[in-house]
Amino acid sequence: MPSDPRDTLRSGLPDRYLTPEDLVVMFSLPSVETVYQWRRKRVGPTGFRVGKHVRYDPTAVARWVAEQTALTDAA
């Protein structure tokens, strides 16, 4: 059974690319549709396609979180 992506991100970057479902769990989002809306609106972490699947580089997700935190702290 795969580990919870929130645990791996807290202890360091996961050794695999993240799925939209991982982002739902990590950020306690209502559904995977939220991740797809972010992607369409270009407001969430940058993802990339592998065939028909969308994946997220954990480094890009961590960078996006840092940017969001900086924006919140600046407000």
Foldseek 3Di string as FASTA:
>chain_A
DDDQCLVDVVVPFDPDWAFLVSVCRNVVNPDSVVVVVCQVVVNAFDWDDDDPGITHGSVSNVVRVVVVVVVVVVD
